[in-house]
Amino acid sequence: MMNEDGKNRNGEAVTDGGSGSEPETALATARRQLERAASHADVDDGVVARLKHPTRVQQVSVPLRRDDGSLDVFTGFRAQHDDVRGPYKGGLRYHPEVTADECIGLSMWMTWKCAVMDLPFGGGKGGVAVDPKTLSDEERERLTRRFAEEIRNVVGPKKDVPAPDMGTGPQEMAWFMDAYSMQQGETTPGVVTGKPPVIGGSYGREEAPGRSVAIVTREAVDFYDWDIEDTTVAVQGFGSVGANAARLLDEWGAKVVAVSDVDGAIYDPDGLDTQDVEGHDERPGMVSGYDAPESLSNEELLELDVDVLIPAAIGNVITTENVDSISAEMVVEGANGPTTFAADAVLEERGIPVIPDILANAGGVTVSYFEWLQDINRRQWSLERVHEELESEMLKAWNAVREHVEERDLTWRDAAYVVALSRIGGAKETRGLWP
């Protein structure tokens, strides 16, 4: 399932830190990115010091009665990084390697993402250390409802608004909302986003991250004075994010020459019919089994000589091991953390622009914000309105970042972080420190 960060799955290690070194944690990477952004932004050192640490991290035990009557106890987390601009916002994931540090690092990224989009949210992230594949539907429901109860005191429409993430989806959000509402004594749809529309979810939420990737790609193509009809695109990952991005770019005239799923890639130099290729979420195995002129591995797709490469599957796919073989003219990050810190530096040296995840795939959290507004006002928007509002918000964010790229000769990633940090820093300095 997709989260509001705009991915189907996410690698646990975020950056390799250099060839032959141990992978760096999400928290270490987030702090490194903060320090780099701070060197470009006019923000008080005290604010930067505060942003290196979360406001709080809730750790809970989540007991689960199995279908066979046995009892297991899992560990759950909710990291709340910063709420100076509004309630914490971020996904809940079910994955066996969920840790407190991972949740803190990912919550920091959500803080930056909400700020770069100028949304009135801060960053949060959480989950349960469990393999969801080992759960029956009934066990998944019981686990979700119990987890909702365990963290009920720290979430709420005005406190912290969770969303789907790796291993969770609209159904889990429905169960979470119902459990929370039962304890509150009133239906509270705004406690989570990413719900089914029938209970307060937003139309357009599922395709939003892929749609924002396509919008940002279109704007980047125009920025570099390319003709979109002459632009070739390769998309790694043909799930919710990759498929929606590829199909929209195809509709706008770009030539999508390669796509992939977990089993492999397909390639047609003349362009694929992206509407005919079913996504991995729609029909697992359809992509790699599609009748195309050539079949490739996922690794080979990354090295294709194309204008735009969109890694939209998992993290850590462009590393020091393969960065010298990247032949694309531009990288647009559809997944979270697909480019490691060290590989990013190499791409910068080679003059290959990288449009960062916190801008490109921010459509998910943006439409989550729309859903939150709809829940507060008890008034559902049409799909057309969601698309129009998303287009408007993405263009505003793009232009804010573009101005820093043009005026200060920053990379796209540095420019996005400067926009985010400046907004957060300004809010903290204005509010001050109490007492």
Protein backbone atom coordinates (compact mmCIF):
# COMPACT_ATOMS: atom_id res chain seq x y z
CA MET A 1 0.00 0.00 0.00
CA MET A 2 1.03 3.55 -0.60
CA ASN A 3 1.67 6.10 2.09
CA GLU A 4 1.46 9.87 2.03
CA ASP A 5 5.19 9.99 1.38
CA GLY A 6 4.32 8.60 -2.01
CA LYS A 7 5.73 5.09 -2.08
CA ASN A 8 4.62 1.48 -2.01
CA ARG A 9 7.57 0.22 0.03
CA ASN A 10 10.59 1.89 1.58
CA GLY A 11 14.13 0.65 2.15
CA GLU A 12 15.08 0.63 5.81
CA ALA A 13 18.59 1.98 5.29
CA VAL A 14 18.61 5.38 3.74
CA THR A 15 22.15 6.11 2.66
CA ASP A 16 25.32 4.13 2.25
CA GLY A 17 27.61 6.89 3.47
CA GLY A 18 30.23 5.81 0.95
CA SER A 19 31.42 2.69 -0.81
CA GLY A 20 32.04 -0.21 1.53
CA SER A 21 30.63 1.49 4.61
CA GLU A 22 27.72 0.40 6.77
CA PRO A 23 24.29 1.76 5.81
CA GLU A 24 23.28 4.91 7.64
CA THR A 25 20.04 5.01 9.61
CA ALA A 26 17.09 7.19 8.64
CA LEU A 27 17.70 9.31 11.74
CA ALA A 28 21.39 9.87 10.97
CA THR A 29 20.57 10.81 7.40
CA ALA A 30 17.80 13.18 8.42
CA ARG A 31 20.15 14.97 10.82
CA ARG A 32 22.87 15.17 8.18
CA GLN A 33 20.41 16.69 5.70
CA LEU A 34 19.27 19.17 8.36
CA GLU A 35 22.83 20.31 8.98
CA ARG A 36 23.49 20.73 5.27
CA ALA A 37 20.29 22.74 4.81
CA ALA A 38 21.12 24.88 7.83
CA SER A 39 24.38 25.95 6.17
CA HIS A 40 22.33 27.51 3.36
CA ALA A 41 19.47 28.94 5.44
CA ASP A 42 19.40 31.92 7.77
CA VAL A 43 18.09 30.04 10.81
CA ASP A 44 19.14 30.39 14.43
CA ASP A 45 21.49 27.66 15.67
CA GLY A 46 19.18 27.03 18.61
CA VAL A 47 16.32 26.22 16.23
CA VAL A 48 18.52 23.77 14.35
CA ALA A 49 19.53 22.11 17.62
CA ARG A 50 15.88 21.68 18.59
CA LEU A 51 15.01 20.20 15.20
CA LYS A 52 17.61 17.44 15.60
CA HIS A 53 15.39 15.88 18.27
CA PRO A 54 11.74 14.78 18.28
CA THR A 55 9.22 16.30 20.65
CA ARG A 56 8.38 12.83 21.93
CA VAL A 57 8.39 9.15 21.03
CA GLN A 58 5.64 6.90 22.34
CA GLN A 59 6.51 3.21 22.69
CA VAL A 60 3.72 0.78 23.49
CA SER A 61 3.10 -2.94 23.80
CA VAL A 62 0.38 -4.25 21.50
CA PRO A 63 -1.03 -7.63 22.59
CA LEU A 64 -2.76 -9.67 19.90
CA ARG A 65 -5.00 -12.70 20.37
CA ARG A 66 -4.24 -14.98 17.42
CA ASP A 67 -6.91 -16.91 15.56
CA ASP A 68 -5.72 -20.13 17.20
CA GLY A 69 -6.18 -18.62 20.67
CA SER A 70 -2.50 -17.98 21.39
CA LEU A 71 -1.23 -14.55 22.46
CA ASP A 72 1.57 -12.52 20.90
CA VAL A 73 2.83 -9.12 22.04
CA PHE A 74 4.25 -6.67 19.49
CA THR A 75 5.98 -3.33 19.98
CA GLY A 76 4.46 -0.17 18.53
CA PHE A 77 5.83 3.35 18.16
CA ARG A 78 4.65 6.87 17.39
CA ALA A 79 7.35 9.49 16.85
CA GLN A 80 6.28 13.14 16.88
CA HIS A 81 9.03 15.35 15.55
CA ASP A 82 7.72 18.91 15.45
CA ASP A 83 4.34 20.65 15.60
CA VAL A 84 5.28 24.34 15.43
CA ARG A 85 3.22 24.73 12.22
CA GLY A 86 0.34 22.41 13.12
CA PRO A 87 -0.60 18.85 14.14
CA TYR A 88 1.89 16.05 13.58
CA LYS A 89 1.28 14.22 10.30
CA GLY A 90 2.64 10.93 8.99
CA GLY A 91 2.03 7.29 8.29
CA LEU A 92 1.65 4.13 10.38
CA ARG A 93 3.54 1.15 9.02
CA TYR A 94 3.44 -2.57 9.74
CA HIS A 95 6.89 -4.04 9.17
CA PRO A 96 9.10 -6.37 11.24
CA GLU A 97 11.98 -3.86 11.29
CA VAL A 98 10.08 -0.84 12.63
CA THR A 99 12.23 0.87 15.27
CA ALA A 100 12.09 4.06 17.30
CA ASP A 101 15.05 5.59 15.43
CA GLU A 102 13.53 4.78 12.05
CA CYS A 103 10.26 6.43 13.07
CA ILE A 104 12.11 9.52 14.33
CA GLY A 105 14.06 9.88 11.10
CA LEU A 106 10.97 9.44 8.94
CA SER A 107 9.01 11.87 11.11
CA MET A 108 11.71 14.48 10.47
CA TRP A 109 11.27 13.98 6.72
CA MET A 110 7.55 14.51 7.13
CA THR A 111 8.26 17.81 8.89
CA TRP A 112 10.33 18.97 5.90
CA LYS A 113 7.79 17.69 3.38
CA CYS A 114 4.85 19.47 5.01
CA ALA A 115 6.88 22.66 5.26
CA VAL A 116 8.06 22.63 1.66
CA MET A 117 4.41 22.25 0.63
CA ASP A 118 3.47 25.00 3.12
CA LEU A 119 0.91 22.73 4.81
CA PRO A 120 -0.16 23.50 8.42
CA PHE A 121 1.29 20.24 9.73
CA GLY A 122 4.42 18.98 11.43
CA GLY A 123 6.00 15.57 11.08
CA GLY A 124 5.05 12.27 12.67
CA LYS A 125 5.60 8.60 11.91
CA GLY A 126 4.87 5.33 13.64
CA GLY A 127 4.04 1.70 13.32
CA VAL A 128 4.16 -1.79 14.75
CA ALA A 129 7.11 -4.16 14.45
CA VAL A 130 5.20 -7.00 12.81
CA ASP A 131 5.25 -8.82 9.50
CA PRO A 132 1.76 -8.11 8.09
CA LYS A 133 2.02 -11.15 5.82
CA THR A 134 1.76 -13.36 8.93
CA LEU A 135 -1.58 -11.82 9.94
CA SER A 136 -5.02 -12.96 8.89
CA ASP A 137 -7.56 -10.24 8.08
CA GLU A 138 -9.14 -10.73 11.50
CA GLU A 139 -5.78 -10.52 13.27
CA ARG A 140 -4.88 -7.40 11.31
CA GLU A 141 -8.12 -5.78 12.44
CA ARG A 142 -7.59 -6.71 16.09
CA LEU A 143 -3.99 -5.48 15.99
CA THR A 144 -5.02 -2.16 14.42
CA ARG A 145 -7.82 -1.54 16.90
CA ARG A 146 -5.58 -2.34 19.88
CA PHE A 147 -2.77 -0.15 18.55
CA ALA A 148 -5.29 2.69 18.11
CA GLU A 149 -6.24 2.34 21.76
CA GLU A 150 -2.62 2.23 22.94
CA ILE A 151 -1.70 5.52 21.24
CA ARG A 152 -5.13 7.19 21.55
CA ASN A 153 -3.85 9.72 24.06
CA VAL A 154 -1.29 11.20 21.63
CA VAL A 155 -3.33 11.32 18.39
CA GLY A 156 -6.37 13.31 17.30
CA PRO A 157 -7.49 15.73 14.56
CA LYS A 158 -5.80 18.65 16.33
CA LYS A 159 -2.84 16.68 17.76
CA ASP A 160 -1.50 14.05 15.39
CA VAL A 161 -3.12 12.68 12.23
CA PRO A 162 -1.80 9.27 11.06
CA ALA A 163 -2.15 7.86 7.54
CA PRO A 164 -1.39 4.65 5.60
CA ASP A 165 2.20 3.57 5.16
CA MET A 166 4.12 0.43 4.26
CA GLY A 167 1.99 -2.59 5.17
CA THR A 168 -1.16 -0.58 5.85
CA GLY A 169 -3.89 0.97 3.71
CA PRO A 170 -7.41 2.44 3.67
CA GLN A 171 -8.92 -0.51 5.57
CA GLU A 172 -6.49 -0.16 8.47
CA MET A 173 -7.27 3.56 8.61
CA ALA A 174 -10.99 2.74 8.72
CA TRP A 175 -10.46 0.38 11.66
CA PHE A 176 -8.22 2.88 13.43
CA MET A 177 -10.77 5.67 13.00
CA ASP A 178 -13.60 3.46 14.23
CA ALA A 179 -11.68 2.32 17.33
CA TYR A 180 -10.72 5.90 18.17
CA SER A 181 -14.27 7.12 17.61
CA MET A 182 -15.78 4.42 19.85
CA GLN A 183 -13.54 5.49 22.74
CA GLN A 184 -14.21 9.19 22.14
CA GLY A 185 -17.96 8.66 22.03
CA GLU A 186 -18.35 10.44 18.68
CA THR A 187 -17.46 9.75 15.07
CA THR A 188 -14.13 11.47 14.41
CA PRO A 189 -13.13 10.95 10.76
CA GLY A 190 -10.35 13.56 10.96
CA VAL A 191 -8.20 11.44 13.28
CA VAL A 192 -6.63 9.74 10.23
CA THR A 193 -6.39 10.32 6.50
CA GLY A 194 -6.20 7.81 3.68
CA LYS A 195 -9.60 6.36 4.59
CA PRO A 196 -12.11 5.00 2.06
CA PRO A 197 -14.27 7.87 0.68
CA VAL A 198 -17.43 6.25 2.04
CA ILE A 199 -16.33 7.17 5.59
CA GLY A 200 -14.73 10.52 4.96
CA GLY A 201 -11.77 9.74 2.75
CA SER A 202 -10.88 11.96 -0.19
CA TYR A 203 -11.30 11.16 -3.85
CA GLY A 204 -7.95 11.22 -5.63
CA ARG A 205 -5.96 10.20 -2.56
CA GLU A 206 -4.66 6.92 -3.99
CA GLU A 207 -3.23 8.44 -7.17
CA ALA A 208 -2.03 11.71 -5.59
CA PRO A 209 1.68 10.87 -5.06
CA GLY A 210 2.05 9.60 -8.62
CA ARG A 211 0.17 12.60 -9.93
CA SER A 212 2.50 14.99 -8.11
CA VAL A 213 5.54 13.14 -9.48
CA ALA A 214 4.18 13.66 -13.00
CA ILE A 215 3.43 17.35 -12.38
CA VAL A 216 6.93 18.01 -11.03
CA THR A 217 8.51 16.04 -13.89
CA ARG A 218 6.55 18.12 -16.40
CA GLU A 219 7.70 21.35 -14.75
CA ALA A 220 11.33 20.17 -14.61
CA VAL A 221 11.26 19.24 -18.30
CA ASP A 222 9.98 22.72 -19.07
CA PHE A 223 12.60 24.33 -16.78
CA TYR A 224 15.42 22.74 -18.76
CA ASP A 225 13.77 23.72 -22.07
CA TRP A 226 13.13 20.18 -23.17
CA ASP A 227 10.17 19.25 -25.35
CA ILE A 228 8.04 16.79 -23.39
CA GLU A 229 7.10 14.98 -26.60
CA ASP A 230 10.79 14.25 -27.19
CA THR A 231 11.41 13.22 -23.55
CA THR A 232 12.05 9.55 -22.76
CA VAL A 233 11.15 8.24 -19.31
CA ALA A 234 11.99 5.08 -17.36
CA VAL A 235 9.99 4.27 -14.23
CA GLN A 236 11.21 1.76 -11.65
CA GLY A 237 8.18 0.51 -9.76
CA PHE A 238 4.77 0.31 -11.42
CA GLY A 239 2.62 0.36 -8.31
CA SER A 240 0.36 3.20 -7.25
CA VAL A 241 3.05 5.86 -7.57
CA GLY A 242 4.90 4.70 -10.66
CA ALA A 243 1.85 3.67 -12.66
CA ASN A 244 -0.02 6.92 -12.07
CA ALA A 245 3.06 9.01 -12.85
CA ALA A 246 3.84 7.05 -16.01
CA ARG A 247 0.30 7.15 -17.35
CA LEU A 248 -0.07 10.88 -16.80
CA LEU A 249 3.28 11.64 -18.43
CA ASP A 250 2.31 9.36 -21.32
CA GLU A 251 -0.97 11.28 -21.65
CA TRP A 252 0.98 14.56 -21.76
CA GLY A 253 3.13 13.30 -24.63
CA ALA A 254 6.27 11.90 -22.98
CA LYS A 255 7.62 8.57 -24.23
CA VAL A 256 7.64 6.04 -21.38
CA VAL A 257 10.10 3.44 -22.62
CA ALA A 258 10.52 1.23 -19.53
CA VAL A 259 8.63 0.25 -16.38
CA SER A 260 9.14 -2.47 -13.80
CA ASP A 261 7.63 -4.39 -10.93
CA VAL A 262 9.32 -6.44 -8.23
CA ASP A 263 9.97 -9.30 -10.69
CA GLY A 264 11.64 -7.32 -13.46
CA ALA A 265 11.34 -4.65 -16.13
CA ILE A 266 10.05 -4.29 -19.68
CA TYR A 267 11.53 -2.00 -22.34
CA ASP A 268 10.34 -0.63 -25.66
CA PRO A 269 12.46 2.14 -27.23
CA ASP A 270 9.43 3.24 -29.24
CA GLY A 271 7.38 3.74 -26.05
CA LEU A 272 5.05 1.51 -24.06
CA ASP A 273 1.27 1.76 -23.95
CA THR A 274 1.09 2.52 -20.24
CA GLN A 275 -2.69 2.16 -20.19
CA ASP A 276 -2.36 -1.42 -21.46
CA VAL A 277 0.27 -2.41 -18.89
CA GLU A 278 -1.44 -3.29 -15.63
CA GLY A 279 0.27 -2.06 -12.48
CA HIS A 280 1.65 -4.36 -9.80
CA ASP A 281 -1.12 -3.28 -7.41
CA GLU A 282 -3.73 -4.05 -10.07
CA ARG A 283 -2.37 -7.43 -11.11
CA PRO A 284 0.90 -8.67 -9.54
CA GLY A 285 3.36 -10.01 -12.10
CA MET A 286 1.64 -8.36 -15.05
CA VAL A 287 4.46 -5.88 -15.72
CA SER A 288 7.35 -8.34 -15.97
CA GLY A 289 5.10 -10.77 -17.84
CA TYR A 290 3.95 -8.20 -20.40
CA ASP A 291 4.69 -8.85 -24.09
CA ALA A 292 7.34 -6.18 -24.73
CA PRO A 293 10.33 -6.12 -27.13
CA GLU A 294 12.84 -6.51 -24.29
CA SER A 295 12.93 -7.70 -20.70
CA LEU A 296 15.38 -6.23 -18.22
CA SER A 297 16.24 -6.48 -14.57
CA ASN A 298 15.34 -3.66 -12.21
CA GLU A 299 19.04 -2.85 -11.99
CA GLU A 300 19.35 -2.59 -15.77
CA LEU A 301 16.36 -0.25 -15.95
CA LEU A 302 18.18 2.22 -13.69
CA GLU A 303 21.08 2.36 -16.16
CA LEU A 304 19.05 3.04 -19.31
CA ASP A 305 20.04 6.01 -21.47
CA VAL A 306 16.87 8.07 -20.98
CA ASP A 307 16.06 11.70 -20.31
CA VAL A 308 14.20 11.12 -17.04
CA LEU A 309 14.63 8.29 -14.53
CA ILE A 310 11.89 7.95 -11.91
CA PRO A 311 12.78 5.50 -9.11
CA ALA A 312 9.33 4.91 -7.61
CA ALA A 313 9.61 1.55 -5.86
CA ILE A 314 11.88 1.36 -2.82
CA GLY A 315 14.69 3.27 -1.13
CA ASN A 316 18.43 2.88 -1.69
CA VAL A 317 18.39 1.93 -5.37
CA ILE A 318 20.88 4.54 -6.60
CA THR A 319 24.04 3.96 -4.57
CA THR A 320 27.80 4.29 -4.87
CA GLU A 321 27.74 0.81 -6.43
CA ASN A 322 25.77 1.88 -9.52
CA VAL A 323 25.78 5.68 -9.64
CA ASP A 324 28.54 5.82 -12.26
CA SER A 325 26.34 3.72 -14.55
CA ILE A 326 23.32 6.04 -14.29
CA SER A 327 22.83 7.42 -17.81
CA ALA A 328 19.67 9.49 -17.33
CA GLU A 329 19.80 13.26 -17.81
CA MET A 330 17.58 13.82 -14.74
CA VAL A 331 16.33 11.86 -11.73
CA VAL A 332 12.90 12.53 -10.20
CA GLU A 333 12.45 10.70 -6.89
CA GLY A 334 9.08 8.98 -6.72
CA ALA A 335 9.95 6.76 -3.75
CA ASN A 336 11.38 8.05 -0.46
CA GLY A 337 15.15 7.92 -0.21
CA PRO A 338 15.89 6.16 -3.52
CA THR A 339 19.20 8.03 -3.84
CA THR A 340 21.77 7.57 -1.10
CA PHE A 341 23.63 10.55 0.33
CA ALA A 342 26.93 9.53 -1.27
CA ALA A 343 25.36 8.77 -4.66
CA ASP A 344 23.56 12.10 -4.59
CA ALA A 345 26.92 13.86 -4.30
CA VAL A 346 28.23 11.96 -7.33
CA LEU A 347 25.19 12.89 -9.41
CA GLU A 348 25.70 16.52 -8.39
CA GLU A 349 29.33 16.37 -9.53
CA ARG A 350 28.19 14.88 -12.85
CA GLY A 351 25.68 17.68 -13.35
CA ILE A 352 22.64 15.38 -13.23
CA PRO A 353 19.78 17.20 -11.48
CA VAL A 354 17.87 15.25 -8.83
CA ILE A 355 14.36 16.44 -7.97
CA PRO A 356 13.95 15.34 -4.33
CA ASP A 357 11.27 13.14 -2.86
CA ILE A 358 10.09 15.76 -0.35
CA LEU A 359 8.86 17.81 -3.31
CA ALA A 360 8.14 15.30 -6.07
CA ASN A 361 5.99 12.79 -4.17
CA ALA A 362 4.36 15.28 -1.80
CA GLY A 363 0.98 14.86 -3.49
CA GLY A 364 0.07 12.19 -0.94
CA VAL A 365 0.35 14.39 2.13
CA THR A 366 -1.16 17.31 0.22
CA VAL A 367 -4.34 15.40 -0.59
CA SER A 368 -4.28 14.08 2.97
CA TYR A 369 -4.46 17.73 4.00
CA PHE A 370 -7.44 18.16 1.66
CA GLU A 371 -9.05 15.11 3.30
CA TRP A 372 -8.47 16.60 6.75
CA LEU A 373 -10.16 19.83 5.64
CA GLN A 374 -13.09 17.91 4.18
CA ASP A 375 -13.51 15.98 7.44
CA ILE A 376 -13.44 19.17 9.52
CA ASN A 377 -16.03 20.82 7.31
CA ARG A 378 -18.06 17.63 6.70
CA ARG A 379 -18.12 18.45 3.00
CA GLN A 380 -16.62 16.17 0.37
CA TRP A 381 -14.80 17.56 -2.65
CA SER A 382 -15.22 16.27 -6.19
CA LEU A 383 -12.33 14.49 -7.89
CA GLU A 384 -12.05 17.41 -10.31
CA ARG A 385 -11.60 19.86 -7.43
CA VAL A 386 -8.99 17.64 -5.77
CA HIS A 387 -7.00 17.54 -9.01
CA GLU A 388 -7.26 21.30 -9.48
CA GLU A 389 -6.22 22.04 -5.89
CA LEU A 390 -3.33 19.58 -6.07
CA GLU A 391 -2.06 21.14 -9.30
CA SER A 392 -2.19 24.58 -7.70
CA GLU A 393 -0.35 23.51 -4.53
CA MET A 394 2.33 21.60 -6.43
CA LEU A 395 3.03 24.58 -8.70
CA LYS A 396 3.33 26.92 -5.71
CA ALA A 397 5.81 24.58 -4.03
CA TRP A 398 7.72 24.05 -7.28
CA ASN A 399 8.06 27.79 -7.86
CA ALA A 400 9.24 28.42 -4.29
CA VAL A 401 11.99 25.83 -4.71
CA ARG A 402 12.83 26.93 -8.26
CA GLU A 403 13.50 30.49 -7.10
CA HIS A 404 16.25 29.27 -4.76
CA VAL A 405 17.73 27.08 -7.51
CA GLU A 406 17.88 30.02 -9.90
CA GLU A 407 18.86 32.80 -7.51
CA ARG A 408 21.32 30.94 -5.28
CA ASP A 409 22.59 28.20 -7.61
CA LEU A 410 21.56 25.47 -5.19
CA THR A 411 20.75 21.87 -6.05
CA TRP A 412 17.07 21.02 -6.12
CA ARG A 413 17.41 19.04 -2.89
CA ASP A 414 19.24 21.83 -1.06
CA ALA A 415 16.71 24.38 -2.34
CA ALA A 416 13.77 22.28 -1.12
CA TYR A 417 15.33 21.88 2.33
CA VAL A 418 16.09 25.59 2.54
CA VAL A 419 12.44 26.42 1.76
CA ALA A 420 11.27 23.97 4.42
CA LEU A 421 13.79 24.96 7.09
CA SER A 422 13.19 28.67 6.57
CA ARG A 423 9.47 28.23 7.14
CA ILE A 424 9.93 26.05 10.21
CA GLY A 425 12.66 28.29 11.61
CA GLY A 426 10.55 31.39 11.08
CA ALA A 427 7.63 29.82 12.93
CA LYS A 428 9.82 28.74 15.85
CA GLU A 429 11.52 32.11 16.17
CA THR A 430 8.14 33.89 16.07
CA ARG A 431 6.56 31.65 18.69
CA GLY A 432 9.65 31.62 20.89
CA LEU A 433 10.62 29.13 23.59
CA TRP A 434 8.34 28.63 26.62
CA PRO A 435 8.87 29.18 29.50
